[in-house]
Amino acid sequence: MVEKVIKHVEVNKHIDTAGDSIWDRDGVNVPSSIFVSTVQIVENTYLNDDGSVDFTTTEGLIFHPEYEGWEVYTDSKFCENVAEAAGLTDFVKYFDFSEQGMQYTNCCHLDVEVA
Protein backbone atom coordinates (compact mmCIF):
# COMPACT_ATOMS: atom_id res chain seq x y z
CA MET A 1 0.00 0.00 0.00
CA VAL A 2 1.15 3.51 -0.81
CA GLU A 3 -0.22 6.23 1.47
CA LYS A 4 -0.29 9.86 0.36
CA VAL A 5 -1.58 12.81 2.40
CA ILE A 6 -3.50 14.87 -0.15
CA LYS A 7 -4.69 17.53 2.31
CA HIS A 8 -3.30 18.55 5.71
CA VAL A 9 -5.04 21.35 7.59
CA GLU A 10 -4.04 22.81 10.95
CA VAL A 11 -7.32 23.68 12.68
CA ASN A 12 -6.33 24.36 16.33
CA LYS A 13 -9.86 25.30 17.41
CA HIS A 14 -12.60 23.99 19.67
CA ILE A 15 -15.33 22.54 17.44
CA ASP A 16 -18.93 22.27 18.65
CA THR A 17 -20.68 18.94 18.87
CA ALA A 18 -24.44 18.46 18.57
CA GLY A 19 -24.43 16.45 21.79
CA ASP A 20 -26.47 13.64 20.26
CA SER A 21 -23.93 10.82 20.02
CA ILE A 22 -25.51 7.49 20.85
CA TRP A 23 -22.43 6.77 23.01
CA ASP A 24 -23.08 9.72 25.36
CA ARG A 25 -24.58 7.50 28.06
CA ASP A 26 -23.78 5.21 30.97
CA GLY A 27 -21.43 7.72 32.55
CA VAL A 28 -19.71 8.75 29.32
CA ASN A 29 -20.11 12.45 28.55
CA VAL A 30 -19.10 13.79 25.17
CA PRO A 31 -18.07 17.44 25.58
CA SER A 32 -20.08 20.22 23.94
CA SER A 33 -16.92 21.15 22.02
CA ILE A 34 -13.73 19.27 21.23
CA PHE A 35 -10.32 20.78 20.47
CA VAL A 36 -9.27 19.71 16.95
CA SER A 37 -5.59 20.15 16.10
CA THR A 38 -5.35 18.75 12.58
CA VAL A 39 -7.36 17.22 9.76
CA GLN A 40 -5.81 15.01 7.12
CA ILE A 41 -7.24 13.57 3.93
CA VAL A 42 -5.26 10.49 2.93
CA GLU A 43 -5.27 8.54 -0.32
CA ASN A 44 -4.28 4.87 -0.06
CA THR A 45 -3.28 3.05 -3.22
CA TYR A 46 -3.22 -0.73 -3.10
CA LEU A 47 -0.98 -2.46 -5.61
CA ASN A 48 -1.04 -5.85 -7.30
CA ASP A 49 2.01 -8.11 -7.13
CA ASP A 50 3.15 -6.74 -10.51
CA GLY A 51 3.06 -3.14 -9.19
CA SER A 52 -0.08 -2.12 -11.05
CA VAL A 53 -2.83 -0.32 -9.15
CA ASP A 54 -5.49 -2.61 -7.72
CA PHE A 55 -7.66 0.05 -6.08
CA THR A 56 -7.50 3.39 -4.26
CA THR A 57 -9.34 4.57 -1.16
CA THR A 58 -9.66 7.98 0.44
CA GLU A 59 -10.06 8.46 4.17
CA GLY A 60 -9.99 11.29 6.63
CA LEU A 61 -8.55 11.73 10.09
CA ILE A 62 -9.62 14.33 12.65
CA PHE A 63 -7.00 14.61 15.38
CA HIS A 64 -8.32 15.71 18.79
CA PRO A 65 -5.38 15.37 21.21
CA GLU A 66 -7.13 16.69 24.33
CA TYR A 67 -10.23 14.48 24.08
CA GLU A 68 -9.25 10.89 24.76
CA GLY A 69 -12.49 9.27 23.70
CA TRP A 70 -14.02 7.90 20.55
CA GLU A 71 -17.57 8.36 21.82
CA VAL A 72 -18.17 11.49 19.73
CA TYR A 73 -18.79 8.86 17.03
CA THR A 74 -22.29 9.34 15.53
CA ASP A 75 -22.57 12.99 16.64
CA SER A 76 -24.70 14.56 13.90
CA LYS A 77 -22.78 17.86 13.56
CA PHE A 78 -19.16 17.24 14.57
CA CYS A 79 -17.79 16.18 11.15
CA GLU A 80 -19.71 18.92 9.35
CA ASN A 81 -18.45 21.54 11.82
CA VAL A 82 -14.87 20.28 11.44
CA ALA A 83 -15.11 20.42 7.63
CA GLU A 84 -16.29 24.02 7.83
CA ALA A 85 -13.60 25.04 10.34
CA ALA A 86 -10.91 23.37 8.20
CA GLY A 87 -12.13 25.03 5.00
CA LEU A 88 -12.88 21.67 3.38
CA THR A 89 -16.49 22.18 2.31
CA ASP A 90 -15.50 22.78 -1.35
CA PHE A 91 -12.82 20.05 -1.29
CA VAL A 92 -15.01 17.15 -0.11
CA LYS A 93 -18.39 15.85 -1.27
CA TYR A 94 -18.71 13.42 1.64
CA PHE A 95 -16.95 13.69 5.03
CA ASP A 96 -18.39 11.54 7.82
CA PHE A 97 -17.52 8.86 10.35
CA SER A 98 -16.45 5.48 9.05
CA GLU A 99 -17.48 2.35 10.94
CA GLN A 100 -17.28 2.33 14.74
CA GLY A 101 -14.41 -0.17 14.82
CA MET A 102 -12.20 2.23 12.86
CA GLN A 103 -12.38 5.00 15.48
CA TYR A 104 -9.31 5.75 17.58
CA THR A 105 -8.60 7.36 20.90
CA ASN A 106 -7.72 11.00 20.11
CA CYS A 107 -8.68 10.64 16.42
CA CYS A 108 -11.84 10.20 14.36
CA HIS A 109 -11.61 8.04 11.26
CA LEU A 110 -13.76 9.15 8.34
CA ASP A 111 -15.04 7.98 5.00
CA VAL A 112 -14.31 10.72 2.50
CA GLU A 113 -15.24 11.48 -1.08
CA VAL A 114 -13.21 14.26 -2.66
CA ALA A 115 -15.05 16.76 -4.89
C-alpha atoms as a PDB file:
ATOM      1  CA  MET A   1       0.000   0.000   0.000  1.00  0.00           C
ATOM      2  CA  VAL A   2       1.149   3.514  -0.815  1.00  0.00           C
ATOM      3  CA  GLU A   3      -0.221   6.225   1.468  1.00  0.00           C
ATOM      4  CA  LYS A   4      -0.289   9.858   0.364  1.00  0.00           C
ATOM      5  CA  VAL A   5      -1.577  12.806   2.402  1.00  0.00           C
ATOM      6  CA  ILE A   6      -3.501  14.875  -0.148  1.00  0.00           C
ATOM      7  CA  LYS A   7      -4.689  17.526   2.312  1.00  0.00           C
ATOM      8  CA  HIS A   8      -3.298  18.554   5.713  1.00  0.00           C
ATOM      9  CA  VAL A   9      -5.042  21.355   7.592  1.00  0.00           C
ATOM     10  CA  GLU A  10      -4.037  22.809  10.947  1.00  0.00           C
ATOM     11  CA  VAL A  11      -7.320  23.683  12.681  1.00  0.00           C
ATOM     12  CA  ASN A  12      -6.334  24.355  16.330  1.00  0.00           C
ATOM     13  CA  LYS A  13      -9.863  25.295  17.412  1.00  0.00           C
ATOM     14  CA  HIS A  14     -12.596  23.991  19.673  1.00  0.00           C
ATOM     15  CA  ILE A  15     -15.327  22.539  17.445  1.00  0.00           C
ATOM     16  CA  ASP A  16     -18.926  22.267  18.652  1.00  0.00           C
ATOM     17  CA  THR A  17     -20.682  18.936  18.866  1.00  0.00           C
ATOM     18  CA  ALA A  18     -24.445  18.458  18.570  1.00  0.00           C
ATOM     19  CA  GLY A  19     -24.433  16.450  21.789  1.00  0.00           C
ATOM     20  CA  ASP A  20     -26.473  13.645  20.261  1.00  0.00           C
ATOM     21  CA  SER A  21     -23.927  10.821  20.022  1.00  0.00           C
ATOM     22  CA  ILE A  22     -25.506   7.486  20.852  1.00  0.00           C
ATOM     23  CA  TRP A  23     -22.431   6.771  23.006  1.00  0.00           C
ATOM     24  CA  ASP A  24     -23.083   9.718  25.361  1.00  0.00           C
ATOM     25  CA  ARG A  25     -24.581   7.504  28.061  1.00  0.00           C
ATOM     26  CA  ASP A  26     -23.779   5.205  30.972  1.00  0.00           C
ATOM     27  CA  GLY A  27     -21.435   7.723  32.551  1.00  0.00           C
ATOM     28  CA  VAL A  28     -19.706   8.747  29.324  1.00  0.00           C
ATOM     29  CA  ASN A  29     -20.110  12.445  28.553  1.00  0.00           C
ATOM     30  CA  VAL A  30     -19.104  13.792  25.171  1.00  0.00           C
ATOM     31  CA  PRO A  31     -18.065  17.445  25.576  1.00  0.00           C
ATOM     32  CA  SER A  32     -20.084  20.220  23.939  1.00  0.00           C
ATOM     33  CA  SER A  33     -16.921  21.150  22.022  1.00  0.00           C
ATOM     34  CA  ILE A  34     -13.729  19.268  21.231  1.00  0.00           C
ATOM     35  CA  PHE A  35     -10.323  20.782  20.467  1.00  0.00           C
ATOM     36  CA  VAL A  36      -9.265  19.708  16.952  1.00  0.00           C
ATOM     37  CA  SER A  37      -5.591  20.146  16.097  1.00  0.00           C
ATOM     38  CA  THR A  38      -5.354  18.752  12.581  1.00  0.00           C
ATOM     39  CA  VAL A  39      -7.364  17.216   9.764  1.00  0.00           C
ATOM     40  CA  GLN A  40      -5.807  15.011   7.117  1.00  0.00           C
ATOM     41  CA  ILE A  41      -7.242  13.575   3.929  1.00  0.00           C
ATOM     42  CA  VAL A  42      -5.260  10.487   2.929  1.00  0.00           C
ATOM     43  CA  GLU A  43      -5.271   8.536  -0.316  1.00  0.00           C
ATOM     44  CA  ASN A  44      -4.282   4.873  -0.057  1.00  0.00           C
ATOM     45  CA  THR A  45      -3.279   3.051  -3.223  1.00  0.00           C
ATOM     46  CA  TYR A  46      -3.217  -0.732  -3.099  1.00  0.00           C
ATOM     47  CA  LEU A  47      -0.978  -2.458  -5.613  1.00  0.00           C
ATOM     48  CA  ASN A  48      -1.044  -5.854  -7.296  1.00  0.00           C
ATOM     49  CA  ASP A  49       2.012  -8.106  -7.129  1.00  0.00           C
ATOM     50  CA  ASP A  50       3.154  -6.737 -10.506  1.00  0.00           C
ATOM     51  CA  GLY A  51       3.063  -3.139  -9.193  1.00  0.00           C
ATOM     52  CA  SER A  52      -0.084  -2.120 -11.054  1.00  0.00           C
ATOM     53  CA  VAL A  53      -2.832  -0.319  -9.147  1.00  0.00           C
ATOM     54  CA  ASP A  54      -5.493  -2.613  -7.720  1.00  0.00           C
ATOM     55  CA  PHE A  55      -7.659   0.053  -6.083  1.00  0.00           C
ATOM     56  CA  THR A  56      -7.502   3.390  -4.260  1.00  0.00           C
ATOM     57  CA  THR A  57      -9.341   4.568  -1.160  1.00  0.00           C
ATOM     58  CA  THR A  58      -9.658   7.978   0.442  1.00  0.00           C
ATOM     59  CA  GLU A  59     -10.059   8.463   4.171  1.00  0.00           C
ATOM     60  CA  GLY A  60      -9.986  11.295   6.634  1.00  0.00           C
ATOM     61  CA  LEU A  61      -8.547  11.734  10.089  1.00  0.00           C
ATOM     62  CA  ILE A  62      -9.619  14.327  12.652  1.00  0.00           C
ATOM     63  CA  PHE A  63      -7.002  14.608  15.383  1.00  0.00           C
ATOM     64  CA  HIS A  64      -8.316  15.708  18.787  1.00  0.00           C
ATOM     65  CA  PRO A  65      -5.382  15.366  21.211  1.00  0.00           C
ATOM     66  CA  GLU A  66      -7.132  16.694  24.330  1.00  0.00           C
ATOM     67  CA  TYR A  67     -10.233  14.475  24.082  1.00  0.00           C
ATOM     68  CA  GLU A  68      -9.246  10.887  24.756  1.00  0.00           C
ATOM     69  CA  GLY A  69     -12.487   9.271  23.700  1.00  0.00           C
ATOM     70  CA  TRP A  70     -14.021   7.903  20.548  1.00  0.00           C
ATOM     71  CA  GLU A  71     -17.574   8.357  21.825  1.00  0.00           C
ATOM     72  CA  VAL A  72     -18.172  11.488  19.726  1.00  0.00           C
ATOM     73  CA  TYR A  73     -18.788   8.859  17.030  1.00  0.00           C
ATOM     74  CA  THR A  74     -22.292   9.337  15.526  1.00  0.00           C
ATOM     75  CA  ASP A  75     -22.574  12.995  16.638  1.00  0.00           C
ATOM     76  CA  SER A  76     -24.697  14.563  13.900  1.00  0.00           C
ATOM     77  CA  LYS A  77     -22.784  17.864  13.563  1.00  0.00           C
ATOM     78  CA  PHE A  78     -19.162  17.240  14.573  1.00  0.00           C
ATOM     79  CA  CYS A  79     -17.792  16.182  11.146  1.00  0.00           C
ATOM     80  CA  GLU A  80     -19.712  18.925   9.352  1.00  0.00           C
ATOM     81  CA  ASN A  81     -18.446  21.540  11.821  1.00  0.00           C
ATOM     82  CA  VAL A  82     -14.874  20.282  11.441  1.00  0.00           C
ATOM     83  CA  ALA A  83     -15.106  20.415   7.630  1.00  0.00           C
ATOM     84  CA  GLU A  84     -16.287  24.018   7.832  1.00  0.00           C
ATOM     85  CA  ALA A  85     -13.599  25.042  10.343  1.00  0.00           C
ATOM     86  CA  ALA A  86     -10.908  23.374   8.203  1.00  0.00           C
ATOM     87  CA  GLY A  87     -12.127  25.027   5.003  1.00  0.00           C
ATOM     88  CA  LEU A  88     -12.878  21.669   3.381  1.00  0.00           C
ATOM     89  CA  THR A  89     -16.486  22.184   2.306  1.00  0.00           C
ATOM     90  CA  ASP A  90     -15.503  22.776  -1.346  1.00  0.00           C
ATOM     91  CA  PHE A  91     -12.823  20.049  -1.287  1.00  0.00           C
ATOM     92  CA  VAL A  92     -15.011  17.147  -0.108  1.00  0.00           C
ATOM     93  CA  LYS A  93     -18.389  15.847  -1.267  1.00  0.00           C
ATOM     94  CA  TYR A  94     -18.710  13.424   1.639  1.00  0.00           C
ATOM     95  CA  PHE A  95     -16.955  13.688   5.030  1.00  0.00           C
ATOM     96  CA  ASP A  96     -18.394  11.536   7.818  1.00  0.00           C
ATOM     97  CA  PHE A  97     -17.518   8.862  10.348  1.00  0.00           C
ATOM     98  CA  SER A  98     -16.447   5.476   9.050  1.00  0.00           C
ATOM     99  CA  GLU A  99     -17.483   2.347  10.936  1.00  0.00           C
ATOM    100  CA  GLN A 100     -17.277   2.326  14.738  1.00  0.00           C
ATOM    101  CA  GLY A 101     -14.413  -0.174  14.823  1.00  0.00           C
ATOM    102  CA  MET A 102     -12.203   2.228  12.859  1.00  0.00           C
ATOM    103  CA  GLN A 103     -12.381   4.997  15.485  1.00  0.00           C
ATOM    104  CA  TYR A 104      -9.307   5.754  17.576  1.00  0.00           C
ATOM    105  CA  THR A 105      -8.602   7.357  20.897  1.00  0.00           C
ATOM    106  CA  ASN A 106      -7.724  10.996  20.111  1.00  0.00           C
ATOM    107  CA  CYS A 107      -8.678  10.642  16.419  1.00  0.00           C
ATOM    108  CA  CYS A 108     -11.842  10.198  14.363  1.00  0.00           C
ATOM    109  CA  HIS A 109     -11.607   8.040  11.260  1.00  0.00           C
ATOM    110  CA  LEU A 110     -13.765   9.154   8.337  1.00  0.00           C
ATOM    111  CA  ASP A 111     -15.041   7.975   5.002  1.00  0.00           C
ATOM    112  CA  VAL A 112     -14.313  10.724   2.504  1.00  0.00           C
ATOM    113  CA  GLU A 113     -15.244  11.477  -1.077  1.00  0.00           C
ATOM    114  CA  VAL A 114     -13.214  14.262  -2.661  1.00  0.00           C
ATOM    115  CA  ALA A 115     -15.045  16.758  -4.890  1.00  0.00           C
END
